Amino acid sequence: MDDFIIIGGGIAGISAAARLSEHGTCRVLEREAHLAYHSSGRSAALYEENYGSPSTIALAKAGRADWYDFLAGVLSPRGFMLLCLRGEETQFDADRRHMDLTEISMAEAQARVPILDLQEVLRAACSTTAQDIDTDMMLQRFAKLLRRNGGVIETHQSVQAIQKIAGGWQVTCEEQTFTARRLINAAGAWGDEIAALAGLAPIGLTPMRRSVARLAAPGGHDPSTWPMLFGPGERWYAKADAGALIVSLAEETPSPPMDAWPDDHDLAEALARYQDYVTEEVTRPISSWAGLRTFAPDRNLVLGAAPQEESFIWAVGQGGYGFFTAPAASQLVAASALGRKPQLTAEIVAQLSPARFVA
């Protein structure tokens, strides 16, 4: 019997497994052929401490030390810029205050992003603290730690049944059965399904589809040094990516748990919104994809032991914040599984605890 089984090989599962591997035997069960197949492998990850809900911001700040130690080299400078057309001033000012952005002149904005249309874009504000996350490097850093401590990653393991047994859990996949004393549910969009198999009440997770178009570098420019661009209210975003530009509507369309595919209407609307801010004509996308961002009802992450069964640990509901919260989130999950006091404040732990959904 293992000490810990972690269901899900995205960043939430691998980071939690890496932490727990220092305290016992760990086994990660991933249904796909490789790690990070779904949401974690389709993330336009950005690290910005002042982005998200109060509990998300608290997690980002609590994990700060890891970025300069265990995860050194994973971050690289990016920054982001909030843009404003006529009629968007109220939302622009609200976003600027919430994210503590610095307003800059339009001449400075165009110097940073030369394709901005100054006849249409009236205001800009920026952050220089936002950084790109090398998602593959980060995932592999945690996976390496897990393996170094004797942890095992099992791919092609689709969970079919879960049973509570004496001293732990039995997890049955299509061809193999595994047992462990503690079970960590890091199944992302499938989190409620895993809970149901274990005989526990669902939280009410909602997977949301987001479609992304990839454009050739606009006008022959090199966008590699451009900040990430946002419209007020996050109605769209654009971000440099390996010599090209990815553009998204930043939509949240409810979806069943699945291997998501992009929606043509959403892609077209995203490109139309982006076009309103720039001088270069939008070209046909060179590729597109979609991913699922899964939210709890209150849109905070769900991290901690199930109130009905302390040996079942939730690590779900990342809602697009999985990578930049992972350093601290994985520490909280490990503390819950080990029965230790978390490093976060009691108020933040309560905001993240699955106990908040118990009537």
Protein backbone atom coordinates (compact mmCIF):
# COMPACT_ATOMS: atom_id res chain seq x y z
CA MET A 1 0.00 0.00 0.00
CA ASP A 2 1.32 3.43 -0.96
CA ASP A 3 1.12 6.35 1.40
CA PHE A 4 -0.42 8.64 -1.24
CA ILE A 5 -2.23 8.22 -4.53
CA ILE A 6 -2.63 11.42 -6.55
CA ILE A 7 -5.25 11.32 -9.30
CA GLY A 8 -4.33 13.77 -12.06
CA GLY A 9 -1.03 14.59 -13.74
CA GLY A 10 -1.45 18.31 -14.29
CA ILE A 11 0.48 20.93 -12.37
CA ALA A 12 -1.79 20.59 -9.30
CA GLY A 13 -1.24 16.84 -9.05
CA ILE A 14 2.46 16.77 -9.87
CA SER A 15 3.35 19.61 -7.50
CA ALA A 16 1.36 18.05 -4.65
CA ALA A 17 2.94 14.67 -5.33
CA ALA A 18 6.43 16.18 -5.31
CA ARG A 19 5.81 17.75 -1.88
CA LEU A 20 4.34 14.54 -0.47
CA SER A 21 7.12 12.36 -1.88
CA GLU A 22 9.38 13.78 0.81
CA HIS A 23 7.13 12.20 3.45
CA GLY A 24 6.09 8.84 2.00
CA THR A 25 5.52 6.70 -1.07
CA CYS A 26 3.60 8.46 -3.86
CA ARG A 27 1.89 7.27 -7.00
CA VAL A 28 0.40 9.63 -9.62
CA LEU A 29 -2.35 8.23 -11.83
CA GLU A 30 -2.82 10.08 -15.15
CA ARG A 31 -5.48 8.94 -17.59
CA GLU A 32 -3.69 10.28 -20.69
CA ALA A 33 -0.45 9.23 -22.38
CA HIS A 34 1.60 12.01 -20.80
CA LEU A 35 1.47 14.63 -18.07
CA ALA A 36 -0.33 17.97 -18.49
CA TYR A 37 -2.42 16.79 -21.44
CA HIS A 38 -5.46 18.94 -20.70
CA SER A 39 -5.59 22.34 -18.96
CA SER A 40 -1.97 22.44 -17.77
CA GLY A 41 -0.67 21.77 -21.26
CA ARG A 42 -2.76 24.56 -22.82
CA SER A 43 -2.09 27.41 -20.45
CA ALA A 44 -0.90 30.90 -21.37
CA ALA A 45 0.59 31.05 -17.90
CA LEU A 46 1.59 34.39 -16.41
CA TYR A 47 2.84 35.10 -12.90
CA GLU A 48 1.41 38.28 -11.40
CA GLU A 49 0.99 38.50 -7.64
CA ASN A 50 -1.84 41.05 -7.76
CA TYR A 51 -4.09 39.10 -10.13
CA GLY A 52 -7.14 37.12 -9.01
CA SER A 53 -9.26 36.83 -5.86
CA PRO A 54 -7.82 37.62 -2.41
CA SER A 55 -7.14 33.93 -1.72
CA THR A 56 -5.46 33.50 -5.10
CA ILE A 57 -3.27 36.54 -4.49
CA ALA A 58 -2.41 35.18 -1.04
CA LEU A 59 -1.30 31.87 -2.59
CA ALA A 60 0.78 33.67 -5.21
CA LYS A 61 2.59 35.70 -2.57
CA ALA A 62 3.04 32.74 -0.21
CA GLY A 63 4.85 30.81 -2.92
CA ARG A 64 7.22 33.65 -3.80
CA ALA A 65 10.37 32.05 -2.33
CA ASP A 66 10.07 28.94 -4.51
CA TRP A 67 10.36 30.96 -7.73
CA TYR A 68 13.86 32.07 -6.76
CA ASP A 69 15.01 28.77 -5.28
CA PHE A 70 13.51 25.44 -6.35
CA LEU A 71 11.91 26.99 -9.46
CA ALA A 72 14.76 29.32 -10.39
CA GLY A 73 14.80 29.93 -14.14
CA VAL A 74 11.12 29.12 -14.67
CA LEU A 75 10.12 32.81 -14.76
CA SER A 76 11.15 35.36 -17.38
CA PRO A 77 10.20 39.04 -17.77
CA ARG A 78 6.96 39.79 -19.63
CA GLY A 79 4.86 42.56 -18.10
CA PHE A 80 1.33 43.32 -19.23
CA MET A 81 -0.53 46.30 -20.59
CA LEU A 82 -4.17 47.22 -20.12
CA LEU A 83 -5.64 49.18 -23.04
CA CYS A 84 -8.69 51.43 -23.27
CA LEU A 85 -10.93 52.50 -26.15
CA ARG A 86 -13.47 55.31 -25.94
CA GLY A 87 -16.35 54.19 -23.72
CA GLU A 88 -14.24 51.73 -21.71
CA GLU A 89 -12.90 54.26 -19.20
CA THR A 90 -14.93 53.10 -16.18
CA GLN A 91 -13.86 49.47 -16.47
CA PHE A 92 -10.29 50.52 -17.32
CA ASP A 93 -10.02 52.57 -14.12
CA ALA A 94 -11.50 49.74 -12.03
CA ASP A 95 -9.01 47.22 -13.47
CA ARG A 96 -6.11 49.63 -13.09
CA ARG A 97 -6.87 50.15 -9.40
CA HIS A 98 -7.51 46.47 -8.67
CA MET A 99 -4.24 45.33 -10.25
CA ASP A 100 -2.23 48.33 -9.04
CA LEU A 101 -1.18 49.30 -12.57
CA THR A 102 0.75 52.41 -13.58
CA GLU A 103 -0.80 54.54 -16.31
CA ILE A 104 1.63 55.50 -19.07
CA SER A 105 1.52 57.89 -22.01
CA MET A 106 0.30 56.61 -25.35
CA ALA A 107 3.69 57.46 -26.86
CA GLU A 108 5.33 55.14 -24.33
CA ALA A 109 2.71 52.47 -24.96
CA GLN A 110 3.32 52.58 -28.70
CA ALA A 111 7.08 52.45 -28.15
CA ARG A 112 6.55 49.16 -26.33
CA VAL A 113 3.94 47.78 -28.77
CA PRO A 114 4.35 49.53 -32.14
CA ILE A 115 1.14 48.16 -33.70
CA LEU A 116 -1.18 50.00 -31.27
CA ASP A 117 -3.71 52.19 -33.10
CA LEU A 118 -3.43 55.57 -31.38
CA GLN A 119 -6.49 56.87 -33.20
CA GLU A 120 -8.58 54.33 -31.29
CA VAL A 121 -6.64 53.46 -28.11
CA LEU A 122 -6.92 56.37 -25.68
CA ARG A 123 -5.23 55.13 -22.51
CA ALA A 124 -2.81 52.44 -21.35
CA ALA A 125 -1.60 51.16 -17.99
CA CYS A 126 1.05 48.58 -17.32
CA SER A 127 2.71 46.28 -14.86
CA THR A 128 6.38 45.44 -15.13
CA THR A 129 6.21 42.73 -12.47
CA ALA A 130 4.25 40.16 -14.52
CA GLN A 131 6.42 37.29 -15.72
CA ASP A 132 6.07 34.40 -18.15
CA ILE A 133 6.04 30.91 -16.70
CA ASP A 134 7.86 28.17 -18.57
CA THR A 135 5.11 25.65 -17.87
CA ASP A 136 6.98 22.61 -19.16
CA MET A 137 10.10 23.43 -17.16
CA MET A 138 8.02 23.94 -14.04
CA LEU A 139 6.13 20.70 -14.48
CA GLN A 140 9.33 18.75 -15.12
CA ARG A 141 11.03 20.34 -12.11
CA PHE A 142 8.30 18.95 -9.83
CA ALA A 143 8.23 15.61 -11.65
CA LYS A 144 11.99 15.25 -11.25
CA LEU A 145 11.72 15.88 -7.51
CA LEU A 146 8.93 13.31 -7.28
CA ARG A 147 10.96 10.63 -9.09
CA ARG A 148 14.12 11.44 -7.15
CA ASN A 149 12.20 10.68 -3.96
CA GLY A 150 11.01 7.35 -5.34
CA GLY A 151 7.61 8.53 -6.57
CA VAL A 152 5.95 6.78 -9.51
CA ILE A 153 3.99 8.29 -12.40
CA GLU A 154 1.53 5.91 -14.06
CA THR A 155 0.07 7.06 -17.40
CA HIS A 156 -2.84 5.50 -19.31
CA GLN A 157 -4.61 4.99 -15.98
CA SER A 158 -8.28 5.87 -16.29
CA VAL A 159 -9.92 5.51 -12.88
CA GLN A 160 -12.98 3.26 -13.00
CA ALA A 161 -13.81 2.73 -9.33
CA ILE A 162 -12.74 3.94 -5.89
CA GLN A 163 -13.47 2.08 -2.66
CA LYS A 164 -12.79 2.93 0.95
CA ILE A 165 -10.93 0.05 2.57
CA ALA A 166 -9.39 -0.57 5.97
CA GLY A 167 -6.60 1.92 6.43
CA GLY A 168 -7.05 3.72 3.12
CA TRP A 169 -8.39 3.60 -0.42
CA GLN A 170 -8.51 1.18 -3.32
CA VAL A 171 -8.42 2.73 -6.79
CA THR A 172 -9.31 0.50 -9.73
CA CYS A 173 -8.23 1.47 -13.24
CA GLU A 174 -8.92 -0.42 -16.45
CA GLU A 175 -6.20 -3.03 -15.95
CA GLN A 176 -4.66 -2.38 -12.53
CA THR A 177 -5.69 -1.74 -8.95
CA PHE A 178 -3.77 0.46 -6.50
CA THR A 179 -4.11 1.14 -2.79
CA ALA A 180 -2.98 4.02 -0.60
CA ARG A 181 -3.57 5.51 2.83
CA ARG A 182 -4.40 8.96 1.47
CA LEU A 183 -6.09 9.96 -1.80
CA ILE A 184 -5.46 13.35 -3.43
CA ASN A 185 -8.06 14.41 -5.98
CA ALA A 186 -6.24 16.63 -8.51
CA ALA A 187 -8.41 15.56 -11.44
CA GLY A 188 -9.22 19.05 -12.70
CA ALA A 189 -12.44 19.12 -14.71
CA TRP A 190 -13.12 15.55 -13.59
CA GLY A 191 -12.78 16.40 -9.88
CA ASP A 192 -16.45 15.97 -9.00
CA GLU A 193 -16.57 12.65 -10.89
CA ILE A 194 -13.65 11.34 -8.84
CA ALA A 195 -15.38 12.42 -5.63
CA ALA A 196 -18.56 10.64 -6.69
CA LEU A 197 -16.62 7.43 -7.35
CA ALA A 198 -15.23 7.74 -3.82
CA GLY A 199 -18.73 8.15 -2.39
CA LEU A 200 -18.29 11.81 -1.49
CA ALA A 201 -20.52 14.76 -2.31
CA PRO A 202 -19.51 16.87 -5.32
CA ILE A 203 -18.48 20.48 -4.87
CA GLY A 204 -20.21 21.81 -7.96
CA LEU A 205 -17.17 22.31 -10.17
CA THR A 206 -17.82 23.92 -13.54
CA PRO A 207 -15.34 23.44 -16.39
CA MET A 208 -15.22 26.49 -18.69
CA ARG A 209 -13.92 26.34 -22.25
CA ARG A 210 -11.53 28.98 -23.57
CA SER A 211 -10.46 29.12 -27.23
CA VAL A 212 -7.13 30.49 -28.45
CA ALA A 213 -5.95 31.53 -31.93
CA ARG A 214 -2.31 31.67 -32.91
CA LEU A 215 -1.34 34.41 -35.38
CA ALA A 216 1.86 34.92 -37.32
CA ALA A 217 3.91 37.84 -35.96
CA PRO A 218 1.92 40.94 -37.00
CA GLY A 219 3.45 43.12 -39.72
CA GLY A 220 6.75 41.32 -39.55
CA HIS A 221 7.42 42.66 -36.03
CA ASP A 222 9.13 40.57 -33.39
CA PRO A 223 6.61 40.45 -30.50
CA SER A 224 8.91 38.54 -28.15
CA THR A 225 9.52 41.58 -25.91
CA TRP A 226 5.95 42.92 -25.98
CA PRO A 227 3.92 42.84 -22.77
CA MET A 228 0.79 40.75 -22.61
CA LEU A 229 -2.14 42.89 -23.81
CA PHE A 230 -5.58 43.02 -22.18
CA GLY A 231 -8.84 44.76 -22.92
CA PRO A 232 -10.78 46.19 -19.93
CA GLY A 233 -12.75 43.55 -18.09
CA GLU A 234 -10.44 40.97 -19.69
CA ARG A 235 -12.69 40.92 -22.76
CA TRP A 236 -9.71 39.68 -24.79
CA TYR A 237 -5.98 39.20 -24.46
CA ALA A 238 -2.96 38.78 -26.72
CA LYS A 239 0.43 37.37 -25.77
CA ALA A 240 3.69 36.68 -27.58
CA ASP A 241 4.41 33.00 -27.94
CA ALA A 242 7.48 31.50 -29.67
CA GLY A 243 7.72 34.22 -32.33
CA ALA A 244 3.97 34.38 -32.91
CA LEU A 245 1.00 35.94 -31.11
CA ILE A 246 -1.82 34.11 -29.35
CA VAL A 247 -5.18 35.87 -29.05
CA SER A 248 -8.20 34.84 -26.99
CA LEU A 249 -11.65 36.14 -26.16
CA ALA A 250 -10.92 35.09 -22.56
CA GLU A 251 -14.37 33.53 -22.65
CA GLU A 252 -15.82 31.16 -20.09
CA THR A 253 -18.24 28.76 -21.76
CA PRO A 254 -19.56 25.94 -19.53
CA SER A 255 -18.50 22.54 -20.80
CA PRO A 256 -18.62 18.94 -19.66
CA PRO A 257 -15.23 17.45 -18.74
CA MET A 258 -13.67 16.62 -22.10
CA ASP A 259 -10.78 17.05 -24.49
CA ALA A 260 -11.85 20.57 -25.48
CA TRP A 261 -11.77 21.96 -29.00
CA PRO A 262 -11.95 25.63 -30.09
CA ASP A 263 -15.18 27.35 -31.06
CA ASP A 264 -14.99 29.17 -34.41
CA HIS A 265 -17.37 31.94 -33.32
CA ASP A 266 -15.32 32.66 -30.20
CA LEU A 267 -12.11 32.73 -32.22
CA ALA A 268 -13.64 35.19 -34.70
CA GLU A 269 -14.94 37.45 -31.93
CA ALA A 270 -11.56 37.42 -30.17
CA LEU A 271 -9.76 38.48 -33.34
CA ALA A 272 -12.36 41.20 -34.01
CA ARG A 273 -11.90 42.68 -30.52
CA TYR A 274 -8.12 42.56 -30.82
CA GLN A 275 -8.32 44.20 -34.25
CA ASP A 276 -10.04 47.28 -32.74
CA TYR A 277 -6.82 48.14 -30.87
CA VAL A 278 -4.15 47.60 -33.52
CA THR A 279 -3.15 48.89 -36.94
CA GLU A 280 -2.03 45.61 -38.48
CA GLU A 281 -4.76 43.63 -40.26
CA VAL A 282 -5.52 40.30 -38.63
CA THR A 283 -4.40 37.36 -40.74
CA ARG A 284 -5.79 33.86 -40.84
CA PRO A 285 -4.76 31.96 -37.68
CA ILE A 286 -1.95 29.51 -38.20
CA SER A 287 -3.41 27.26 -35.50
CA SER A 288 -5.99 27.21 -32.71
CA TRP A 289 -6.84 25.21 -29.63
CA ALA A 290 -8.99 25.24 -26.51
CA GLY A 291 -8.65 24.30 -22.88
CA LEU A 292 -10.87 23.98 -19.83
CA ARG A 293 -10.53 26.22 -16.79
CA THR A 294 -12.45 24.67 -13.89
CA PHE A 295 -14.05 26.79 -11.17
CA ALA A 296 -15.70 26.12 -7.83
CA PRO A 297 -18.99 27.97 -7.25
CA ASP A 298 -17.25 30.84 -5.41
CA ARG A 299 -14.30 30.86 -7.87
CA ASN A 300 -11.70 30.20 -5.17
CA LEU A 301 -9.43 27.16 -5.34
CA VAL A 302 -10.47 24.07 -3.37
CA LEU A 303 -7.55 22.79 -1.31
CA GLY A 304 -7.76 20.55 1.73
CA ALA A 305 -9.28 17.49 3.33
CA ALA A 306 -12.89 16.59 2.68
CA PRO A 307 -14.91 17.31 5.84
CA GLN A 308 -16.63 13.91 5.48
CA GLU A 309 -13.34 12.00 5.14
CA GLU A 310 -9.98 13.46 6.13
CA SER A 311 -8.02 10.92 4.06
CA PHE A 312 -9.54 12.34 0.85
CA ILE A 313 -7.79 15.58 -0.12
CA TRP A 314 -9.14 18.04 -2.71
CA ALA A 315 -6.77 19.93 -5.04
CA VAL A 316 -9.08 21.34 -7.69
CA GLY A 317 -10.82 24.50 -8.92
CA GLN A 318 -7.69 26.29 -10.13
CA GLY A 319 -9.69 28.24 -12.73
CA GLY A 320 -6.67 29.20 -14.80
CA TYR A 321 -4.48 30.04 -11.79
CA GLY A 322 -2.94 26.58 -11.42
CA PHE A 323 0.65 27.37 -12.33
CA PHE A 324 1.23 30.57 -10.42
CA THR A 325 -0.51 29.26 -7.28
CA ALA A 326 1.11 25.78 -7.42
CA PRO A 327 4.11 26.46 -5.13
CA ALA A 328 1.93 27.46 -2.17
CA ALA A 329 -1.14 25.38 -3.12
CA SER A 330 0.93 22.20 -3.16
CA GLN A 331 2.31 23.04 0.29
CA LEU A 332 -1.23 23.47 1.62
CA VAL A 333 -2.37 20.18 0.05
CA ALA A 334 0.63 18.39 1.57
CA ALA A 335 -0.05 19.90 4.99
CA SER A 336 -3.67 18.74 4.78
CA ALA A 337 -2.65 15.21 3.78
CA LEU A 338 -0.06 15.04 6.56
CA GLY A 339 -2.31 16.56 9.23
CA ARG A 340 0.03 19.50 9.75
CA LYS A 341 -0.68 23.16 10.39
CA PRO A 342 -0.64 25.19 7.14
CA GLN A 343 1.70 28.14 6.70
CA LEU A 344 -1.15 30.34 5.39
CA THR A 345 -3.40 32.34 7.70
CA ALA A 346 -6.53 30.69 9.09
CA GLU A 347 -8.68 33.13 7.10
CA ILE A 348 -7.12 32.15 3.76
CA VAL A 349 -7.19 28.44 4.60
CA ALA A 350 -10.93 28.76 5.33
CA GLN A 351 -11.51 30.48 1.98
CA LEU A 352 -9.82 27.54 0.23
CA SER A 353 -11.15 24.68 2.35
CA PRO A 354 -13.73 22.25 0.89
CA ALA A 355 -15.54 22.56 4.23
CA ARG A 356 -17.01 25.85 2.98
CA PHE A 357 -19.41 23.88 0.77
CA VAL A 358 -20.92 21.88 3.60
CA ALA A 359 -24.33 23.23 4.60
